[in-house]
Structures are given as structure tokens and as C-alpha cells.
Amino acid sequence: MARKAPRKPKVPDIYERLAEVNEKALTADGFEGAYIGILYRFSNDALACYDRDKCIDILMKRDGMTLDEAEEFFEFNVIGSWVGEGTPCFLERREPDLRQMRKTR
């Protein structure tokens, strides 16, 4: 019986375009729900871009963290993790103060 050739690992659909424009761009594991697109900047490679507030929400819902715990974890372990030129970026949207809105829920 003939064996099938092994398949290349499939890039999740949300990252296909990112892989096309910068195959060295890195992604943030576990934060796919916060992925908002590709960041382009003059004279630099394209990067994966995530919504910071959505990342915090993911940590709170998925890992059962409080807002303060999630923000501290995120700042130290995610923002604070430089893994090279392809390190993702995190956008803080200019909207009403979401931190205050979360505290009143």
C-alpha cells in the first residue's frame, strides 16, 4: 500500500495573508481571537497585530484571571517577550476607557 507524503503544517486561515507578506512574522499563541490584522511600517517587515484589550479579555475568560492579574501577566509575559524582529505588536485602541467599563460590570 502506498503511503501519502507528509503534509506541511497548515497555517491557520487567519494568518495566511501574514505568511504571504512576511514568512518570518511570528504570532501570539492562544490569542487568535484578538488578532486584528497586519501592521505595515515603512522600512520594516510586516507584523501580526493584536488588540490588547481582547488579549486581556482572553486571559480573564480562558485562564480565570482578574483584570489586574491579566494585565500584569500580559505586560510581563506577552509585551515583555521579545523573540526577534518578527515579534507581534499589540494595539491599544483609542476608545472609551475599557478598564473602567470592565470594573463596573
C-alpha atoms as a PDB file:
ATOM      1  CA  MET A   1       0.000   0.000   0.000  1.00  0.00           C
ATOM      2  CA  ALA A   2       1.367   3.413  -0.960  1.00  0.00           C
ATOM      3  CA  ARG A   3       1.957   5.962   1.751  1.00  0.00           C
ATOM      4  CA  LYS A   4       0.909   9.561   1.419  1.00  0.00           C
ATOM      5  CA  ALA A   5       3.622  12.163   1.623  1.00  0.00           C
ATOM      6  CA  PRO A   6       3.592  14.031   4.922  1.00  0.00           C
ATOM      7  CA  ARG A   7       1.756  17.327   4.777  1.00  0.00           C
ATOM      8  CA  LYS A   8       3.273  20.641   5.693  1.00  0.00           C
ATOM      9  CA  PRO A   9       1.776  22.054   8.873  1.00  0.00           C
ATOM     10  CA  LYS A  10      -1.192  24.186   7.856  1.00  0.00           C
ATOM     11  CA  VAL A  11      -1.100  27.861   8.708  1.00  0.00           C
ATOM     12  CA  PRO A  12      -4.406  28.868  10.325  1.00  0.00           C
ATOM     13  CA  ASP A  13      -6.554  30.711   7.778  1.00  0.00           C
ATOM     14  CA  ILE A  14      -6.409  33.947   9.750  1.00  0.00           C
ATOM     15  CA  TYR A  15      -2.645  34.064   9.293  1.00  0.00           C
ATOM     16  CA  GLU A  16      -2.449  33.111   5.605  1.00  0.00           C
ATOM     17  CA  ARG A  17      -2.051  36.668   4.341  1.00  0.00           C
ATOM     18  CA  LEU A  18       0.523  37.417   7.043  1.00  0.00           C
ATOM     19  CA  ALA A  19       2.588  34.425   5.910  1.00  0.00           C
ATOM     20  CA  GLU A  20       2.390  35.704   2.330  1.00  0.00           C
ATOM     21  CA  VAL A  21       3.769  39.153   3.174  1.00  0.00           C
ATOM     22  CA  ASN A  22       6.295  38.065   5.829  1.00  0.00           C
ATOM     23  CA  GLU A  23       7.005  34.399   6.301  1.00  0.00           C
ATOM     24  CA  LYS A  24       9.166  35.248   9.335  1.00  0.00           C
ATOM     25  CA  ALA A  25       6.410  37.086  11.185  1.00  0.00           C
ATOM     26  CA  LEU A  26       5.578  35.443  14.497  1.00  0.00           C
ATOM     27  CA  THR A  27       2.149  35.028  16.046  1.00  0.00           C
ATOM     28  CA  ALA A  28       0.939  35.046  19.634  1.00  0.00           C
ATOM     29  CA  ASP A  29      -0.208  31.545  20.551  1.00  0.00           C
ATOM     30  CA  GLY A  30      -3.576  31.451  22.249  1.00  0.00           C
ATOM     31  CA  PHE A  31      -4.580  34.941  21.161  1.00  0.00           C
ATOM     32  CA  GLU A  32      -6.071  34.139  17.764  1.00  0.00           C
ATOM     33  CA  GLY A  33      -9.358  35.718  18.871  1.00  0.00           C
ATOM     34  CA  ALA A  34      -7.561  39.029  19.389  1.00  0.00           C
ATOM     35  CA  TYR A  35      -5.799  39.054  16.000  1.00  0.00           C
ATOM     36  CA  ILE A  36      -6.847  42.161  14.080  1.00  0.00           C
ATOM     37  CA  GLY A  37      -4.555  42.101  11.094  1.00  0.00           C
ATOM     38  CA  ILE A  38      -1.196  43.049   9.702  1.00  0.00           C
ATOM     39  CA  LEU A  39       0.876  46.043  10.726  1.00  0.00           C
ATOM     40  CA  TYR A  40       2.823  47.709   7.943  1.00  0.00           C
ATOM     41  CA  ARG A  41       5.516  50.280   8.625  1.00  0.00           C
ATOM     42  CA  PHE A  42       7.950  51.972   6.297  1.00  0.00           C
ATOM     43  CA  SER A  43      11.290  50.214   6.053  1.00  0.00           C
ATOM     44  CA  ASN A  44      10.206  47.301   8.286  1.00  0.00           C
ATOM     45  CA  ASP A  45       8.732  43.871   7.712  1.00  0.00           C
ATOM     46  CA  ALA A  46       5.007  43.379   8.224  1.00  0.00           C
ATOM     47  CA  LEU A  47       3.972  42.079  11.658  1.00  0.00           C
ATOM     48  CA  ALA A  48       0.984  40.367  13.221  1.00  0.00           C
ATOM     49  CA  CYS A  49      -1.122  42.860  15.161  1.00  0.00           C
ATOM     50  CA  TYR A  50      -3.415  42.037  18.084  1.00  0.00           C
ATOM     51  CA  ASP A  51      -5.979  44.004  20.062  1.00  0.00           C
ATOM     52  CA  ARG A  52      -4.520  44.483  23.548  1.00  0.00           C
ATOM     53  CA  ASP A  53      -7.901  44.661  25.291  1.00  0.00           C
ATOM     54  CA  LYS A  54      -9.093  41.484  23.605  1.00  0.00           C
ATOM     55  CA  CYS A  55      -5.907  39.747  24.772  1.00  0.00           C
ATOM     56  CA  ILE A  56      -6.683  40.829  28.338  1.00  0.00           C
ATOM     57  CA  ASP A  57     -10.255  39.521  27.961  1.00  0.00           C
ATOM     58  CA  ILE A  58      -8.937  36.182  26.688  1.00  0.00           C
ATOM     59  CA  LEU A  59      -6.692  35.837  29.733  1.00  0.00           C
ATOM     60  CA  MET A  60      -9.588  36.656  32.054  1.00  0.00           C
ATOM     61  CA  LYS A  61     -12.046  34.240  30.421  1.00  0.00           C
ATOM     62  CA  ARG A  62      -9.706  31.419  29.434  1.00  0.00           C
ATOM     63  CA  ASP A  63      -7.427  31.452  32.476  1.00  0.00           C
ATOM     64  CA  GLY A  64      -9.804  32.807  35.116  1.00  0.00           C
ATOM     65  CA  MET A  65      -7.626  35.814  35.915  1.00  0.00           C
ATOM     66  CA  THR A  66      -8.847  39.031  37.446  1.00  0.00           C
ATOM     67  CA  LEU A  67      -8.362  42.198  35.415  1.00  0.00           C
ATOM     68  CA  ASP A  68      -5.290  43.165  37.431  1.00  0.00           C
ATOM     69  CA  GLU A  69      -3.802  39.665  37.141  1.00  0.00           C
ATOM     70  CA  ALA A  70      -4.447  39.562  33.401  1.00  0.00           C
ATOM     71  CA  GLU A  71      -2.890  42.974  32.818  1.00  0.00           C
ATOM     72  CA  GLU A  72       0.173  42.144  34.896  1.00  0.00           C
ATOM     73  CA  PHE A  73       0.601  38.778  33.180  1.00  0.00           C
ATOM     74  CA  PHE A  74       0.127  40.342  29.756  1.00  0.00           C
ATOM     75  CA  GLU A  75       2.606  43.175  30.336  1.00  0.00           C
ATOM     76  CA  PHE A  76       5.307  40.898  31.724  1.00  0.00           C
ATOM     77  CA  ASN A  77       4.857  37.693  29.713  1.00  0.00           C
ATOM     78  CA  VAL A  78       3.470  38.897  26.403  1.00  0.00           C
ATOM     79  CA  ILE A  79       4.540  42.501  25.836  1.00  0.00           C
ATOM     80  CA  GLY A  80       7.777  41.774  27.675  1.00  0.00           C
ATOM     81  CA  SER A  81       8.688  38.850  25.441  1.00  0.00           C
ATOM     82  CA  TRP A  82      10.970  39.959  22.631  1.00  0.00           C
ATOM     83  CA  VAL A  83      11.518  36.975  20.344  1.00  0.00           C
ATOM     84  CA  GLY A  84      13.175  38.720  17.431  1.00  0.00           C
ATOM     85  CA  GLU A  85      12.334  41.002  14.536  1.00  0.00           C
ATOM     86  CA  GLY A  86       9.083  39.135  13.839  1.00  0.00           C
ATOM     87  CA  THR A  87       7.684  39.719  17.347  1.00  0.00           C
ATOM     88  CA  PRO A  88       3.962  40.610  17.115  1.00  0.00           C
ATOM     89  CA  CYS A  89       2.634  44.025  18.096  1.00  0.00           C
ATOM     90  CA  PHE A  90      -0.330  44.857  20.310  1.00  0.00           C
ATOM     91  CA  LEU A  91      -2.626  47.791  19.626  1.00  0.00           C
ATOM     92  CA  GLU A  92      -4.290  49.765  22.390  1.00  0.00           C
ATOM     93  CA  ARG A  93      -7.370  51.201  20.717  1.00  0.00           C
ATOM     94  CA  ARG A  94      -8.308  54.797  21.266  1.00  0.00           C
ATOM     95  CA  GLU A  95     -11.763  54.231  22.688  1.00  0.00           C
ATOM     96  CA  PRO A  96     -13.549  54.930  25.947  1.00  0.00           C
ATOM     97  CA  ASP A  97     -11.603  53.686  28.944  1.00  0.00           C
ATOM     98  CA  LEU A  98     -12.326  49.964  28.698  1.00  0.00           C
ATOM     99  CA  ARG A  99     -10.593  49.299  32.008  1.00  0.00           C
ATOM    100  CA  GLN A 100     -13.146  51.481  33.805  1.00  0.00           C
ATOM    101  CA  MET A 101     -16.002  49.865  31.877  1.00  0.00           C
ATOM    102  CA  ARG A 102     -14.818  46.376  32.914  1.00  0.00           C
ATOM    103  CA  LYS A 103     -14.625  47.353  36.570  1.00  0.00           C
ATOM    104  CA  THR A 104     -18.265  48.441  36.569  1.00  0.00           C
ATOM    105  CA  ARG A 105     -19.564  45.172  35.086  1.00  0.00           C
END
